[in-house]
Amino acid sequence: QVQLVESGGGLVQAGGSLRLSCAASGRTFSNYAMAWFRQAPGKEREFVAAIDWSGFRSDYADSVKDRFTISRDNAKNTVYLQVNSLEPEDTAVYYCAQDKALLRGPDTDWGNSYWGQGTQVTVSS
C-alpha cells in the first residue's frame, strides 16, 4: 500500500530555513502529483504547495510564494519543500499528500489523496 513518510521538521528561529522531505513507496512515484499541506493548532488544514507528476508545473499558496519551493526527485521517490524566511505564522504540522489519480497537475482534487503522518515545524520569534 502507499506510504508517505515526512521528515526534516524542527524548531527554528524566525528568518531561518528548513528542508522538508517526503519519501513515498507503494506505487510508481513518477505517475502522481504531490503536495504539501499544513495545519496549525486550532486551524483547518491548508494547502501550501503542489507539483505535477513530471515536476514541471507547481502551484503555491499566496502566503508562501517567494519563500517556499516544492521540488521532486522521481529517481528517489521523494518530494521536498524548501522553506525559507520562516515566520512564527508558519508554525504547523506539515503533511505530504499524493494524488490518487494518474498524471494530474498541481491543481488536482487534493481531497482524493493519500496522506503522511506529518512533521512538526515550529518557528520561534
C-alpha atoms as a PDB file:
ATOM      1  CA  GLN A   1       0.000   0.000   0.000  1.00  0.00           C
ATOM      2  CA  VAL A   2       1.026   3.637  -0.310  1.00  0.00           C
ATOM      3  CA  GLN A   3       3.254   5.002   2.435  1.00  0.00           C
ATOM      4  CA  LEU A   4       4.334   8.610   2.790  1.00  0.00           C
ATOM      5  CA  VAL A   5       6.938   9.463   5.404  1.00  0.00           C
ATOM      6  CA  GLU A   6       7.768  13.086   6.134  1.00  0.00           C
ATOM      7  CA  SER A   7      10.970  14.291   7.768  1.00  0.00           C
ATOM      8  CA  GLY A   8      13.008  17.436   8.240  1.00  0.00           C
ATOM      9  CA  GLY A   9      10.824  19.400  10.610  1.00  0.00           C
ATOM     10  CA  GLY A  10      12.118  21.018  13.754  1.00  0.00           C
ATOM     11  CA  LEU A  11      12.472  24.158  15.827  1.00  0.00           C
ATOM     12  CA  VAL A  12      13.922  27.152  14.021  1.00  0.00           C
ATOM     13  CA  GLN A  13      14.182  30.864  14.679  1.00  0.00           C
ATOM     14  CA  ALA A  14      12.260  33.378  12.604  1.00  0.00           C
ATOM     15  CA  GLY A  15      14.091  34.033   9.358  1.00  0.00           C
ATOM     16  CA  GLY A  16      15.559  30.549   9.308  1.00  0.00           C
ATOM     17  CA  SER A  17      15.199  27.727   6.806  1.00  0.00           C
ATOM     18  CA  LEU A  18      14.382  24.039   6.689  1.00  0.00           C
ATOM     19  CA  ARG A  19      14.085  21.408   4.006  1.00  0.00           C
ATOM     20  CA  LEU A  20      11.191  19.025   4.446  1.00  0.00           C
ATOM     21  CA  SER A  21      11.259  15.652   2.714  1.00  0.00           C
ATOM     22  CA  CYS A  22       8.555  13.125   1.966  1.00  0.00           C
ATOM     23  CA  ALA A  23       9.583   9.631   0.921  1.00  0.00           C
ATOM     24  CA  ALA A  24       6.912   7.692  -0.931  1.00  0.00           C
ATOM     25  CA  SER A  25       6.519   3.981  -1.543  1.00  0.00           C
ATOM     26  CA  GLY A  26       3.899   1.537  -2.706  1.00  0.00           C
ATOM     27  CA  ARG A  27       3.378   2.598  -6.320  1.00  0.00           C
ATOM     28  CA  THR A  28       5.144   4.330  -9.218  1.00  0.00           C
ATOM     29  CA  PHE A  29       6.023   7.709  -7.733  1.00  0.00           C
ATOM     30  CA  SER A  30       6.599   9.494 -11.028  1.00  0.00           C
ATOM     31  CA  ASN A  31       2.968   8.955 -12.089  1.00  0.00           C
ATOM     32  CA  TYR A  32       1.420  11.107  -9.369  1.00  0.00           C
ATOM     33  CA  ALA A  33       1.197  14.740  -8.377  1.00  0.00           C
ATOM     34  CA  MET A  34       2.428  15.567  -4.883  1.00  0.00           C
ATOM     35  CA  ALA A  35       1.607  18.314  -2.442  1.00  0.00           C
ATOM     36  CA  TRP A  36       2.329  19.800   0.940  1.00  0.00           C
ATOM     37  CA  PHE A  37      -0.356  20.958   3.345  1.00  0.00           C
ATOM     38  CA  ARG A  38      -0.093  22.277   6.866  1.00  0.00           C
ATOM     39  CA  GLN A  39      -2.263  22.506   9.935  1.00  0.00           C
ATOM     40  CA  ALA A  40      -1.654  24.985  12.729  1.00  0.00           C
ATOM     41  CA  PRO A  41      -3.132  24.485  16.207  1.00  0.00           C
ATOM     42  CA  GLY A  42      -6.838  25.277  16.219  1.00  0.00           C
ATOM     43  CA  LYS A  43      -6.939  25.790  12.458  1.00  0.00           C
ATOM     44  CA  GLU A  44      -8.017  23.747   9.471  1.00  0.00           C
ATOM     45  CA  ARG A  45      -5.523  22.022   7.228  1.00  0.00           C
ATOM     46  CA  GLU A  46      -4.467  24.355   4.420  1.00  0.00           C
ATOM     47  CA  PHE A  47      -2.799  23.981   1.049  1.00  0.00           C
ATOM     48  CA  VAL A  48       0.853  25.043   0.863  1.00  0.00           C
ATOM     49  CA  ALA A  49       2.290  23.853  -2.458  1.00  0.00           C
ATOM     50  CA  ALA A  50       1.859  21.204  -5.134  1.00  0.00           C
ATOM     51  CA  ILE A  51       3.818  19.806  -8.050  1.00  0.00           C
ATOM     52  CA  ASP A  52       2.650  17.767 -11.007  1.00  0.00           C
ATOM     53  CA  TRP A  53       3.820  14.254 -11.821  1.00  0.00           C
ATOM     54  CA  SER A  54       6.594  15.478 -14.122  1.00  0.00           C
ATOM     55  CA  GLY A  55       7.949  18.188 -11.875  1.00  0.00           C
ATOM     56  CA  PHE A  56       7.457  20.906 -14.489  1.00  0.00           C
ATOM     57  CA  ARG A  57       4.387  22.588 -13.018  1.00  0.00           C
ATOM     58  CA  SER A  58       3.913  23.777  -9.471  1.00  0.00           C
ATOM     59  CA  ASP A  59       1.498  25.898  -7.507  1.00  0.00           C
ATOM     60  CA  TYR A  60       1.747  27.755  -4.214  1.00  0.00           C
ATOM     61  CA  ALA A  61      -0.449  29.359  -1.621  1.00  0.00           C
ATOM     62  CA  ASP A  62      -0.131  33.133  -1.734  1.00  0.00           C
ATOM     63  CA  SER A  63       1.151  33.166   1.846  1.00  0.00           C
ATOM     64  CA  VAL A  64       4.262  31.153   0.948  1.00  0.00           C
ATOM     65  CA  LYS A  65       5.071  32.284  -2.592  1.00  0.00           C
ATOM     66  CA  ASP A  66       8.657  33.528  -2.924  1.00  0.00           C
ATOM     67  CA  ARG A  67       9.598  31.836   0.372  1.00  0.00           C
ATOM     68  CA  PHE A  68       8.842  28.136  -0.189  1.00  0.00           C
ATOM     69  CA  THR A  69       9.880  25.907  -3.083  1.00  0.00           C
ATOM     70  CA  ILE A  70       8.477  22.483  -3.881  1.00  0.00           C
ATOM     71  CA  SER A  71      10.514  20.012  -5.908  1.00  0.00           C
ATOM     72  CA  ARG A  72      10.652  16.305  -6.566  1.00  0.00           C
ATOM     73  CA  ASP A  73      13.246  13.672  -7.364  1.00  0.00           C
ATOM     74  CA  ASN A  74      11.490  10.855  -9.170  1.00  0.00           C
ATOM     75  CA  ALA A  75      14.602   8.684  -9.003  1.00  0.00           C
ATOM     76  CA  LYS A  76      14.495   8.878  -5.198  1.00  0.00           C
ATOM     77  CA  ASN A  77      10.688   8.731  -4.857  1.00  0.00           C
ATOM     78  CA  THR A  78      10.865  11.883  -2.780  1.00  0.00           C
ATOM     79  CA  VAL A  79       9.230  15.296  -2.769  1.00  0.00           C
ATOM     80  CA  TYR A  80      10.806  18.245  -0.990  1.00  0.00           C
ATOM     81  CA  LEU A  81       9.675  21.539   0.423  1.00  0.00           C
ATOM     82  CA  GLN A  82      12.380  24.139   0.910  1.00  0.00           C
ATOM     83  CA  VAL A  83      11.082  26.643   3.419  1.00  0.00           C
ATOM     84  CA  ASN A  84      12.956  29.935   3.757  1.00  0.00           C
ATOM     85  CA  SER A  85      12.400  33.184   5.655  1.00  0.00           C
ATOM     86  CA  LEU A  86      10.257  31.342   8.169  1.00  0.00           C
ATOM     87  CA  GLU A  87       7.780  33.297  10.244  1.00  0.00           C
ATOM     88  CA  PRO A  88       6.070  32.317  13.512  1.00  0.00           C
ATOM     89  CA  GLU A  89       2.845  32.055  11.493  1.00  0.00           C
ATOM     90  CA  ASP A  90       4.409  29.138   9.597  1.00  0.00           C
ATOM     91  CA  THR A  91       4.332  27.021  12.753  1.00  0.00           C
ATOM     92  CA  ALA A  92       2.274  23.936  11.945  1.00  0.00           C
ATOM     93  CA  VAL A  93       2.347  20.246  11.260  1.00  0.00           C
ATOM     94  CA  TYR A  94       3.307  19.825   7.614  1.00  0.00           C
ATOM     95  CA  TYR A  95       1.728  16.946   5.713  1.00  0.00           C
ATOM     96  CA  CYS A  96       2.685  15.350   2.439  1.00  0.00           C
ATOM     97  CA  ALA A  97      -0.053  14.228   0.048  1.00  0.00           C
ATOM     98  CA  GLN A  98      -0.020  12.045  -3.044  1.00  0.00           C
ATOM     99  CA  ASP A  99      -2.794  12.262  -5.598  1.00  0.00           C
ATOM    100  CA  LYS A 100      -4.744   9.075  -6.103  1.00  0.00           C
ATOM    101  CA  ALA A 101      -5.388   9.914  -9.788  1.00  0.00           C
ATOM    102  CA  LEU A 102      -2.797   9.357 -12.515  1.00  0.00           C
ATOM    103  CA  LEU A 103      -0.768  12.077 -14.256  1.00  0.00           C
ATOM    104  CA  ARG A 104      -2.583  15.092 -12.892  1.00  0.00           C
ATOM    105  CA  GLY A 105      -1.432  18.678 -12.458  1.00  0.00           C
ATOM    106  CA  PRO A 106      -0.863  20.611  -9.241  1.00  0.00           C
ATOM    107  CA  ASP A 107      -4.500  21.755  -9.346  1.00  0.00           C
ATOM    108  CA  THR A 108      -5.868  18.241  -8.963  1.00  0.00           C
ATOM    109  CA  ASP A 109      -8.517  17.395  -6.362  1.00  0.00           C
ATOM    110  CA  TRP A 110      -6.411  17.013  -3.216  1.00  0.00           C
ATOM    111  CA  GLY A 111      -9.411  15.677  -1.375  1.00  0.00           C
ATOM    112  CA  ASN A 112      -8.694  12.444  -3.232  1.00  0.00           C
ATOM    113  CA  SER A 113      -5.215  11.759  -1.850  1.00  0.00           C
ATOM    114  CA  TYR A 114      -3.055   9.630   0.341  1.00  0.00           C
ATOM    115  CA  TRP A 115      -1.555  11.368   3.370  1.00  0.00           C
ATOM    116  CA  GLY A 116       1.517  11.087   5.514  1.00  0.00           C
ATOM    117  CA  GLN A 117       1.664  11.418   9.288  1.00  0.00           C
ATOM    118  CA  GLY A 118       3.178  14.889   9.262  1.00  0.00           C
ATOM    119  CA  THR A 119       6.282  16.631  10.543  1.00  0.00           C
ATOM    120  CA  GLN A 120       6.212  19.474  13.060  1.00  0.00           C
ATOM    121  CA  VAL A 121       7.691  22.841  12.161  1.00  0.00           C
ATOM    122  CA  THR A 122       7.961  25.345  14.990  1.00  0.00           C
ATOM    123  CA  VAL A 123       9.202  28.871  14.358  1.00  0.00           C
ATOM    124  CA  SER A 124      10.216  30.958  17.342  1.00  0.00           C
ATOM    125  CA  SER A 125      10.135  34.755  17.274  1.00  0.00           C
END
